[in-house]
Amino acid sequence: MWSVVWAAVRSKAPYVTFPVAFVVGLVGSQLEWFLRGDPPPTAQEEKSISEQREDRKLQEIAGEDLTKVVSLKDKLEFAPRAVLNRNRPEKS
């Protein structure tokens, strides 16, 4: 008789397991929401890294006068020193 019961339980296991797992998951998610409170802001509400970087750059240049730049005639070199002067002696 036990073999017939175990065969029936084995064949009907998915029909019993799914609702039980669903209820356990639903109760767990509601309990987690209750303990944590409000969910964190979603990715749509947050600013992206590039937007944060642009905002920071705008705040940095807000107080500067952008019309005063060094003339290219006044600059001695256009490339970084480490790139082109590697094999030449230092200028004095």
N, C-alpha and C. Protein backbone atom coordinates (compact mmCIF):
# COMPACT_ATOMS: atom_id res chain seq x y z
N MET A 1 0.82 -1.19 0.00
CA MET A 1 0.00 0.00 0.00
C MET A 1 0.87 1.26 0.00
N TRP A 2 2.00 1.22 0.77
CA TRP A 2 2.87 2.38 0.82
C TRP A 2 3.48 2.68 -0.55
N SER A 3 3.72 1.67 -1.34
CA SER A 3 4.30 1.91 -2.66
C SER A 3 3.32 2.65 -3.55
N VAL A 4 2.04 2.38 -3.41
CA VAL A 4 1.02 3.09 -4.20
C VAL A 4 0.94 4.54 -3.75
N VAL A 5 1.00 4.80 -2.43
CA VAL A 5 0.95 6.17 -1.90
C VAL A 5 2.16 6.96 -2.38
N TRP A 6 3.35 6.36 -2.28
CA TRP A 6 4.56 7.06 -2.71
C TRP A 6 4.55 7.30 -4.21
N ALA A 7 4.03 6.41 -4.99
CA ALA A 7 3.92 6.60 -6.44
C ALA A 7 2.97 7.76 -6.75
N ALA A 8 1.87 7.84 -6.01
CA ALA A 8 0.92 8.94 -6.22
C ALA A 8 1.54 10.28 -5.82
N VAL A 9 2.24 10.30 -4.67
CA VAL A 9 2.90 11.53 -4.22
C VAL A 9 3.95 11.97 -5.22
N ARG A 10 4.72 11.03 -5.74
CA ARG A 10 5.75 11.35 -6.71
C ARG A 10 5.16 11.91 -8.00
N SER A 11 4.07 11.37 -8.45
CA SER A 11 3.49 11.83 -9.71
C SER A 11 2.78 13.18 -9.55
N LYS A 12 2.25 13.47 -8.37
CA LYS A 12 1.53 14.73 -8.15
C LYS A 12 2.40 15.80 -7.48
N ALA A 13 3.68 15.56 -7.28
CA ALA A 13 4.56 16.49 -6.57
C ALA A 13 4.63 17.88 -7.22
N PRO A 14 4.74 17.99 -8.54
CA PRO A 14 4.78 19.35 -9.11
C PRO A 14 3.51 20.15 -8.86
N TYR A 15 2.38 19.48 -8.81
CA TYR A 15 1.11 20.18 -8.60
C TYR A 15 0.97 20.67 -7.16
N VAL A 16 1.68 20.03 -6.24
CA VAL A 16 1.64 20.44 -4.84
C VAL A 16 2.77 21.41 -4.54
N THR A 17 3.92 21.18 -5.11
CA THR A 17 5.11 21.97 -4.80
C THR A 17 5.00 23.40 -5.31
N PHE A 18 4.47 23.58 -6.52
CA PHE A 18 4.40 24.93 -7.09
C PHE A 18 3.55 25.87 -6.24
N PRO A 19 2.33 25.52 -5.87
CA PRO A 19 1.56 26.46 -5.03
C PRO A 19 2.21 26.74 -3.68
N VAL A 20 2.82 25.71 -3.08
CA VAL A 20 3.48 25.92 -1.80
C VAL A 20 4.66 26.88 -1.97
N ALA A 21 5.46 26.69 -3.00
CA ALA A 21 6.60 27.57 -3.25
C ALA A 21 6.14 28.99 -3.57
N PHE A 22 5.05 29.11 -4.29
CA PHE A 22 4.51 30.43 -4.62
C PHE A 22 4.08 31.17 -3.35
N VAL A 23 3.39 30.50 -2.47
CA VAL A 23 2.92 31.13 -1.22
C VAL A 23 4.11 31.50 -0.33
N VAL A 24 5.09 30.62 -0.24
CA VAL A 24 6.28 30.92 0.57
C VAL A 24 7.02 32.14 0.00
N GLY A 25 7.17 32.21 -1.32
CA GLY A 25 7.83 33.35 -1.94
C GLY A 25 7.06 34.64 -1.74
N LEU A 26 5.73 34.58 -1.86
CA LEU A 26 4.91 35.77 -1.67
C LEU A 26 4.99 36.27 -0.23
N VAL A 27 4.90 35.36 0.72
CA VAL A 27 5.00 35.75 2.13
C VAL A 27 6.39 36.32 2.42
N GLY A 28 7.43 35.70 1.87
CA GLY A 28 8.79 36.18 2.09
C GLY A 28 9.02 37.56 1.52
N SER A 29 8.50 37.81 0.32
CA SER A 29 8.71 39.14 -0.26
C SER A 29 7.94 40.21 0.50
N GLN A 30 6.74 39.89 0.96
CA GLN A 30 5.98 40.85 1.75
C GLN A 30 6.66 41.12 3.09
N LEU A 31 7.22 40.10 3.69
CA LEU A 31 7.93 40.26 4.96
C LEU A 31 9.19 41.10 4.76
N GLU A 32 9.90 40.87 3.68
CA GLU A 32 11.10 41.67 3.40
C GLU A 32 10.72 43.13 3.16
N TRP A 33 9.66 43.38 2.40
CA TRP A 33 9.21 44.74 2.15
C TRP A 33 8.81 45.42 3.47
N PHE A 34 8.15 44.68 4.35
CA PHE A 34 7.73 45.24 5.62
C PHE A 34 8.92 45.60 6.50
N LEU A 35 9.94 44.75 6.51
CA LEU A 35 11.11 44.99 7.36
C LEU A 35 12.00 46.10 6.82
N ARG A 36 12.16 46.16 5.51
CA ARG A 36 13.05 47.16 4.91
C ARG A 36 12.39 48.51 4.73
N GLY A 37 11.11 48.56 4.60
CA GLY A 37 10.43 49.83 4.37
C GLY A 37 10.34 50.10 2.88
N ASP A 38 10.52 51.37 2.51
CA ASP A 38 10.42 51.75 1.10
C ASP A 38 11.56 51.14 0.30
N PRO A 39 11.29 50.72 -0.92
CA PRO A 39 12.37 50.17 -1.75
C PRO A 39 13.33 51.28 -2.17
N PRO A 40 14.58 50.92 -2.47
CA PRO A 40 15.54 51.95 -2.92
C PRO A 40 15.11 52.50 -4.28
N PRO A 41 15.58 53.68 -4.63
CA PRO A 41 15.19 54.26 -5.93
C PRO A 41 15.66 53.38 -7.07
N THR A 42 14.85 53.31 -8.08
CA THR A 42 15.19 52.48 -9.23
C THR A 42 16.22 53.18 -10.10
N ALA A 43 16.72 52.47 -11.07
CA ALA A 43 17.76 53.02 -11.94
C ALA A 43 17.23 54.19 -12.77
N GLN A 44 15.92 54.21 -13.02
CA GLN A 44 15.36 55.31 -13.81
C GLN A 44 15.37 56.61 -13.02
N GLU A 45 15.24 56.53 -11.70
CA GLU A 45 15.20 57.73 -10.88
C GLU A 45 16.59 58.26 -10.57
N GLU A 46 17.60 57.41 -10.57
CA GLU A 46 18.97 57.84 -10.27
C GLU A 46 19.60 58.45 -11.52
N LYS A 47 20.59 59.31 -11.28
CA LYS A 47 21.36 59.85 -12.39
C LYS A 47 22.45 58.86 -12.75
N SER A 48 22.76 58.80 -14.02
CA SER A 48 23.83 57.91 -14.45
C SER A 48 25.18 58.52 -14.07
N ILE A 49 26.22 57.72 -14.19
CA ILE A 49 27.57 58.18 -13.86
C ILE A 49 27.97 59.34 -14.77
N SER A 50 27.65 59.23 -16.05
CA SER A 50 28.03 60.32 -16.97
C SER A 50 27.27 61.61 -16.64
N GLU A 51 26.02 61.50 -16.24
CA GLU A 51 25.28 62.70 -15.85
C GLU A 51 25.85 63.31 -14.58
N GLN A 52 26.24 62.49 -13.62
CA GLN A 52 26.86 63.00 -12.40
C GLN A 52 28.18 63.69 -12.72
N ARG A 53 28.96 63.10 -13.62
CA ARG A 53 30.24 63.70 -14.01
C ARG A 53 30.02 65.04 -14.69
N GLU A 54 29.03 65.13 -15.59
CA GLU A 54 28.75 66.39 -16.26
C GLU A 54 28.31 67.46 -15.27
N ASP A 55 27.47 67.08 -14.30
CA ASP A 55 27.05 68.05 -13.28
C ASP A 55 28.23 68.54 -12.46
N ARG A 56 29.15 67.63 -12.10
CA ARG A 56 30.31 68.03 -11.32
C ARG A 56 31.20 68.97 -12.12
N LYS A 57 31.41 68.69 -13.41
CA LYS A 57 32.23 69.56 -14.24
C LYS A 57 31.60 70.93 -14.40
N LEU A 58 30.28 70.98 -14.54
CA LEU A 58 29.60 72.27 -14.65
C LEU A 58 29.74 73.07 -13.36
N GLN A 59 29.69 72.41 -12.22
CA GLN A 59 29.86 73.11 -10.96
C GLN A 59 31.29 73.62 -10.79
N GLU A 60 32.27 72.86 -11.30
CA GLU A 60 33.67 73.29 -11.19
C GLU A 60 33.95 74.52 -12.03
N ILE A 61 33.36 74.61 -13.22
CA ILE A 61 33.67 75.73 -14.11
C ILE A 61 32.67 76.89 -13.94
N ALA A 62 31.76 76.78 -13.00
CA ALA A 62 30.74 77.82 -12.84
C ALA A 62 31.35 79.16 -12.45
N GLY A 63 32.39 79.18 -11.64
CA GLY A 63 32.96 80.44 -11.17
C GLY A 63 34.13 80.93 -12.00
N GLU A 64 34.56 80.20 -13.00
CA GLU A 64 35.74 80.59 -13.78
C GLU A 64 35.34 81.43 -14.98
N ASP A 65 36.29 82.27 -15.41
CA ASP A 65 36.10 83.06 -16.62
C ASP A 65 36.68 82.25 -17.78
N LEU A 66 35.82 81.76 -18.63
CA LEU A 66 36.25 80.87 -19.71
C LEU A 66 36.81 81.62 -20.92
N THR A 67 36.74 82.96 -20.91
CA THR A 67 37.26 83.71 -22.04
C THR A 67 38.77 83.95 -21.93
N LYS A 68 39.32 83.77 -20.75
CA LYS A 68 40.75 83.98 -20.55
C LYS A 68 41.47 82.65 -20.69
N VAL A 69 42.09 82.46 -21.86
CA VAL A 69 42.85 81.24 -22.12
C VAL A 69 44.25 81.64 -22.57
N VAL A 70 45.18 80.73 -22.47
CA VAL A 70 46.55 80.98 -22.88
C VAL A 70 46.61 80.87 -24.41
N SER A 71 47.28 81.83 -25.03
CA SER A 71 47.42 81.83 -26.47
C SER A 71 48.31 80.68 -26.91
N LEU A 72 48.05 80.16 -28.08
CA LEU A 72 48.89 79.08 -28.60
C LEU A 72 50.29 79.58 -28.91
N LYS A 73 50.45 80.86 -29.21
CA LYS A 73 51.78 81.41 -29.46
C LYS A 73 52.61 81.42 -28.18
N ASP A 74 51.94 81.56 -27.04
CA ASP A 74 52.66 81.60 -25.77
C ASP A 74 53.06 80.21 -25.29
N LYS A 75 52.38 79.22 -25.76
CA LYS A 75 52.73 77.86 -25.35
C LYS A 75 53.98 77.42 -26.09
N LEU A 76 54.90 76.81 -25.39
CA LEU A 76 56.14 76.37 -26.03
C LEU A 76 55.97 75.04 -26.75
N GLU A 77 55.19 74.17 -26.18
CA GLU A 77 55.01 72.86 -26.79
C GLU A 77 53.54 72.50 -26.77
N PHE A 78 53.16 71.74 -27.79
CA PHE A 78 51.76 71.34 -27.89
C PHE A 78 51.53 69.92 -27.37
N ALA A 79 52.57 69.14 -27.30
CA ALA A 79 52.43 67.75 -26.86
C ALA A 79 53.00 67.61 -25.45
N PRO A 80 52.59 66.62 -24.74
CA PRO A 80 53.14 66.38 -23.41
C PRO A 80 54.65 66.14 -23.47
N ARG A 81 55.33 66.58 -22.45
CA ARG A 81 56.78 66.51 -22.41
C ARG A 81 57.29 65.06 -22.45
N ALA A 82 56.61 64.15 -21.79
CA ALA A 82 57.09 62.78 -21.68
C ALA A 82 57.02 62.04 -23.01
N VAL A 83 56.22 62.52 -23.95
CA VAL A 83 56.06 61.79 -25.20
C VAL A 83 57.15 62.13 -26.21
N LEU A 84 57.32 63.42 -26.48
CA LEU A 84 58.21 63.80 -27.57
C LEU A 84 59.64 64.11 -27.12
N ASN A 85 59.85 64.49 -25.90
CA ASN A 85 61.18 64.86 -25.45
C ASN A 85 61.89 63.72 -24.73
N ARG A 86 61.49 62.55 -24.97
CA ARG A 86 62.06 61.42 -24.24
C ARG A 86 63.54 61.23 -24.58
N ASN A 87 63.91 61.38 -25.85
CA ASN A 87 65.28 61.10 -26.25
C ASN A 87 66.11 62.36 -26.48
N ARG A 88 65.53 63.54 -26.27
CA ARG A 88 66.27 64.78 -26.46
C ARG A 88 66.72 65.32 -25.12
N PRO A 89 67.85 66.01 -25.07
CA PRO A 89 68.27 66.62 -23.81
C PRO A 89 67.32 67.75 -23.40
N GLU A 90 67.32 68.08 -22.14
CA GLU A 90 66.44 69.12 -21.62
C GLU A 90 66.81 70.48 -22.21
N LYS A 91 65.79 71.27 -22.50
CA LYS A 91 66.01 72.64 -22.97
C LYS A 91 66.30 73.53 -21.77
N SER A 92 67.10 74.54 -21.97
CA SER A 92 67.38 75.44 -20.85
C SER A 92 66.90 76.83 -21.17
